[in-house]
């Protein structure tokens, strides 16, 4: 499937909450505020609930493919974060925001969801992250354009580290599966997730890919996300 990258200067989320202020709304709803670098704890929200106001969804919640401690670690220059989208009765704006520990916006992008329920990925452009620094991200679905209270927000953290020489870059299914195992062993969970999602896009019926995917979701305590199809990156 073709992956389309979309970046807007003014996101629907910003337009939605501009009258009361972006920072004010997010502080009130999910506690968005500057924090000190190199945290030992990473508060966040990986699951979005089964329904919220007019945002009609199925039993599969909006969810972030992120470790249970809410910190994803990457050695990629252009890391990708993936999210499971529920089935919706109609399309809604989805917005992604990445901020550093001083509260400055590092990256933001937007799209309109489909209605079928799938995974979408947000790819961070190169040269936006600094090695060994922590960044907090937010993903929001604006269920009703006129009511900010119905916006469903997930949040988590991302840290970029120096590349690990031992991580495999071999081609082919087996090489990619070895890469997933090496990334997991190195603690590069964001990269392991991204590699396996990308592998499922190209070889969804491969039994070893299916097995690794099941094991990954179990490790993330997200077993309920085993079935939705895959989509592309924002």
Protein backbone atom coordinates (compact mmCIF):
# COMPACT_ATOMS: atom_id res chain seq x y z
CA UNK A 1 0.00 0.00 0.00
CA UNK A 2 1.30 3.45 -0.85
CA UNK A 3 2.32 5.50 2.16
CA UNK A 4 1.42 9.19 1.95
CA UNK A 5 3.08 11.70 4.27
CA UNK A 6 0.97 14.77 5.08
CA UNK A 7 2.13 17.78 7.10
CA UNK A 8 -0.05 20.84 7.71
CA UNK A 9 1.01 24.15 9.24
CA UNK A 10 -2.29 24.56 11.09
CA UNK A 11 -3.88 21.32 12.24
CA UNK A 12 -7.61 20.72 12.75
CA UNK A 13 -6.88 20.22 16.45
CA UNK A 14 -5.30 23.68 16.65
CA UNK A 15 -8.26 25.17 14.75
CA UNK A 16 -10.61 23.29 17.07
CA UNK A 17 -9.12 24.61 20.31
CA UNK A 18 -7.66 27.92 19.15
CA UNK A 19 -10.39 30.03 20.77
CA UNK A 20 -9.37 28.82 24.25
CA UNK A 21 -5.68 28.25 23.49
CA UNK A 22 -3.82 25.07 22.56
CA UNK A 23 -1.78 24.87 25.75
CA UNK A 24 -4.73 25.69 28.01
CA UNK A 25 -6.92 22.99 26.50
CA UNK A 26 -4.28 20.26 26.64
CA UNK A 27 -3.18 21.15 30.18
CA UNK A 28 -6.80 20.84 31.28
CA UNK A 29 -7.49 17.60 29.41
CA UNK A 30 -4.26 15.58 29.49
CA UNK A 31 -1.75 17.60 31.51
CA UNK A 32 0.44 18.92 28.68
CA UNK A 33 3.17 21.03 30.25
CA UNK A 34 6.96 21.30 30.11
CA UNK A 35 8.83 18.65 32.11
CA UNK A 36 12.46 18.07 33.00
CA UNK A 37 14.58 16.05 30.55
CA UNK A 38 15.55 12.42 31.22
CA UNK A 39 12.52 11.44 33.28
CA UNK A 40 12.50 8.25 35.32
CA UNK A 41 8.71 7.94 34.92
CA UNK A 42 6.69 8.43 31.76
CA UNK A 43 3.00 9.14 32.35
CA UNK A 44 0.81 8.59 29.33
CA UNK A 45 -2.32 7.01 27.91
CA UNK A 46 -2.13 4.14 25.43
CA UNK A 47 -5.86 3.31 25.18
CA UNK A 48 -8.68 5.62 24.18
CA UNK A 49 -11.75 3.78 25.45
CA UNK A 50 -14.60 2.09 23.59
CA UNK A 51 -16.79 5.13 22.91
CA UNK A 52 -16.85 8.85 23.61
CA UNK A 53 -19.80 11.13 22.93
CA UNK A 54 -20.60 11.31 19.23
CA UNK A 55 -17.39 9.43 18.34
CA UNK A 56 -19.07 6.09 17.58
CA UNK A 57 -16.57 3.22 17.70
CA UNK A 58 -16.58 -0.55 17.97
CA UNK A 59 -15.28 -2.54 20.95
CA UNK A 60 -11.68 -2.13 19.72
CA UNK A 61 -10.33 0.97 21.42
CA UNK A 62 -8.10 3.60 19.91
CA UNK A 63 -4.64 2.48 21.03
CA UNK A 64 -0.97 3.37 20.72
CA UNK A 65 1.52 0.62 19.86
CA UNK A 66 3.85 1.65 22.64
CA UNK A 67 5.45 -0.16 25.62
CA UNK A 68 3.50 -0.32 28.85
CA UNK A 69 5.85 2.19 30.50
CA UNK A 70 4.82 4.69 27.75
CA UNK A 71 8.41 5.20 26.52
CA UNK A 72 9.33 4.17 22.99
CA UNK A 73 13.04 4.07 22.12
CA UNK A 74 14.38 4.48 18.59
CA UNK A 75 17.73 4.52 16.80
CA UNK A 76 16.17 5.60 13.48
CA UNK A 77 16.72 9.02 11.97
CA UNK A 78 13.07 9.01 10.84
CA UNK A 79 11.21 6.95 13.46
CA UNK A 80 7.58 5.94 13.01
CA UNK A 81 4.92 5.59 15.71
CA UNK A 82 1.88 3.39 15.05
CA UNK A 83 -1.69 3.61 16.33
CA UNK A 84 -4.68 1.27 16.09
CA UNK A 85 -7.82 3.06 14.94
CA UNK A 86 -11.29 1.77 15.87
CA UNK A 87 -14.13 1.38 13.41
CA UNK A 88 -16.01 4.67 13.16
CA UNK A 89 -19.41 5.58 11.78
CA UNK A 90 -17.85 8.54 9.98
CA UNK A 91 -14.38 10.00 9.43
CA UNK A 92 -12.91 12.31 12.07
CA UNK A 93 -9.86 14.61 12.12
CA UNK A 94 -6.79 13.03 13.70
CA UNK A 95 -3.90 15.19 14.86
CA UNK A 96 -0.40 14.34 16.08
CA UNK A 97 1.78 16.65 18.12
CA UNK A 98 5.37 16.06 19.33
CA UNK A 99 6.93 18.38 21.92
CA UNK A 100 10.28 18.56 23.67
CA UNK A 101 10.66 18.76 27.45
CA UNK A 102 10.56 22.56 27.31
CA UNK A 103 7.13 22.48 25.67
CA UNK A 104 8.29 23.51 22.19
CA UNK A 105 6.57 21.84 19.23
CA UNK A 106 8.99 19.60 17.32
CA UNK A 107 6.54 18.18 14.77
CA UNK A 108 2.82 18.13 14.02
CA UNK A 109 0.70 16.57 11.32
CA UNK A 110 -2.95 15.79 10.57
CA UNK A 111 -5.23 13.51 8.60
CA UNK A 112 -8.84 12.40 8.40
CA UNK A 113 -9.50 8.87 9.60
CA UNK A 114 -11.15 6.18 7.55
CA UNK A 115 -14.08 4.24 8.95
CA UNK A 116 -12.88 0.65 8.60
CA UNK A 117 -10.58 0.34 11.61
CA UNK A 118 -6.86 0.00 10.86
CA UNK A 119 -3.33 0.97 11.91
CA UNK A 120 -1.85 4.30 10.94
CA UNK A 121 1.73 5.41 11.40
CA UNK A 122 3.22 8.85 12.00
CA UNK A 123 6.75 9.20 10.67
CA UNK A 124 8.91 11.87 12.31
CA UNK A 125 11.04 13.74 9.74
CA UNK A 126 14.83 13.52 9.94
CA UNK A 127 16.78 15.94 12.13
CA UNK A 128 13.86 16.74 14.43
CA UNK A 129 15.16 14.73 17.42
CA UNK A 130 18.28 15.00 19.56
CA UNK A 131 19.99 11.83 20.78
CA UNK A 132 19.28 10.94 24.43
CA UNK A 133 16.52 13.53 24.77
CA UNK A 134 12.93 12.68 25.64
CA UNK A 135 9.92 13.92 23.66
CA UNK A 136 6.22 13.71 24.49
CA UNK A 137 3.69 13.01 21.77
CA UNK A 138 -0.09 13.41 21.62
CA UNK A 139 -2.56 11.84 19.21
CA UNK A 140 -6.07 13.30 19.20
CA UNK A 141 -9.31 12.37 17.41
CA UNK A 142 -11.69 15.32 17.23
CA UNK A 143 -15.02 13.52 17.50
CA UNK A 144 -17.04 16.70 17.14
CA UNK A 145 -15.58 19.88 15.59
CA UNK A 146 -17.66 22.15 17.80
CA UNK A 147 -17.04 20.41 21.14
CA UNK A 148 -13.41 20.10 22.34
CA UNK A 149 -14.57 18.03 25.33
CA UNK A 150 -15.25 15.12 22.97
CA UNK A 151 -11.66 15.03 21.67
CA UNK A 152 -10.05 11.67 22.54
CA UNK A 153 -6.35 12.06 23.32
CA UNK A 154 -3.56 9.47 23.64
CA UNK A 155 -0.09 10.39 24.87
CA UNK A 156 3.33 8.84 25.30
CA UNK A 157 7.05 9.41 25.02
CA UNK A 158 9.81 8.88 22.48
CA UNK A 159 13.60 8.84 22.97
CA UNK A 160 16.17 8.68 20.20
CA UNK A 161 19.45 6.88 20.95
CA UNK A 162 22.62 6.26 18.98
CA UNK A 163 22.40 3.41 16.43
CA UNK A 164 23.25 -0.04 17.78
CA UNK A 165 25.80 -1.79 15.48
CA UNK A 166 24.45 -5.26 16.34
CA UNK A 167 20.97 -4.55 14.89
CA UNK A 168 20.53 -6.50 11.64
CA UNK A 169 19.79 -4.76 8.35
CA UNK A 170 19.46 -7.94 6.27
CA UNK A 171 16.89 -8.10 3.48
CA UNK A 172 14.05 -10.59 3.07
CA UNK A 173 11.48 -11.85 5.55
CA UNK A 174 13.94 -13.83 7.67
CA UNK A 175 16.37 -10.93 7.74
CA UNK A 176 13.63 -8.53 8.83
CA UNK A 177 12.45 -10.93 11.51
CA UNK A 178 16.00 -11.15 12.81
CA UNK A 179 16.06 -7.36 12.81
CA UNK A 180 12.89 -7.31 14.95
CA UNK A 181 14.45 -9.72 17.44
CA UNK A 182 17.68 -7.68 17.57
CA UNK A 183 15.78 -4.41 18.08
CA UNK A 184 13.75 -5.91 20.91
CA UNK A 185 16.91 -7.28 22.54
CA UNK A 186 18.53 -3.84 22.27
CA UNK A 187 15.50 -2.18 23.86
CA UNK A 188 14.56 -0.37 20.64
CA UNK A 189 10.86 -1.03 21.01
CA UNK A 190 9.65 1.73 18.68
CA UNK A 191 11.89 0.34 15.95
CA UNK A 192 10.87 -3.27 16.58
CA UNK A 193 7.21 -2.26 16.33
CA UNK A 194 7.79 -0.25 13.14
CA UNK A 195 9.85 -3.01 11.50
CA UNK A 196 7.21 -5.62 12.21
CA UNK A 197 4.31 -3.42 11.08
CA UNK A 198 6.17 -2.72 7.84
CA UNK A 199 6.86 -6.44 7.44
CA UNK A 200 3.17 -7.23 7.92
CA UNK A 201 2.38 -4.77 5.16
CA UNK A 202 4.56 -6.69 2.72
CA UNK A 203 4.14 -10.29 3.99
CA UNK A 204 0.91 -10.42 6.05
CA UNK A 205 0.35 -14.15 5.47
CA UNK A 206 3.83 -15.36 6.40
CA UNK A 207 3.43 -17.69 9.45
CA UNK A 208 6.64 -16.48 11.11
CA UNK A 209 5.51 -12.87 10.72
CA UNK A 210 2.16 -13.71 12.27
CA UNK A 211 3.89 -15.47 15.17
CA UNK A 212 6.23 -12.54 15.82
CA UNK A 213 3.29 -10.12 15.64
CA UNK A 214 1.36 -12.12 18.24
CA UNK A 215 4.40 -12.25 20.50
CA UNK A 216 4.98 -8.53 20.13
CA UNK A 217 1.40 -7.66 21.10
CA UNK A 218 1.67 -9.97 24.11
CA UNK A 219 4.88 -8.22 25.17
CA UNK A 220 3.11 -4.87 24.86
CA UNK A 221 0.00 -6.19 26.69
CA UNK A 222 -2.07 -5.25 23.62
CA UNK A 223 -3.34 -8.68 22.54
CA UNK A 224 -6.75 -7.26 21.58
CA UNK A 225 -5.14 -5.51 18.59
CA UNK A 226 -4.21 -8.71 16.76
CA UNK A 227 -6.78 -8.50 13.95
CA UNK A 228 -7.16 -5.02 12.35
CA UNK A 229 -5.70 -4.48 8.85
CA UNK A 230 -2.76 -2.20 8.22
CA UNK A 231 -2.71 1.21 6.60
CA UNK A 232 0.06 3.67 5.76
CA UNK A 233 1.95 6.43 7.49
CA UNK A 234 0.79 10.02 7.95
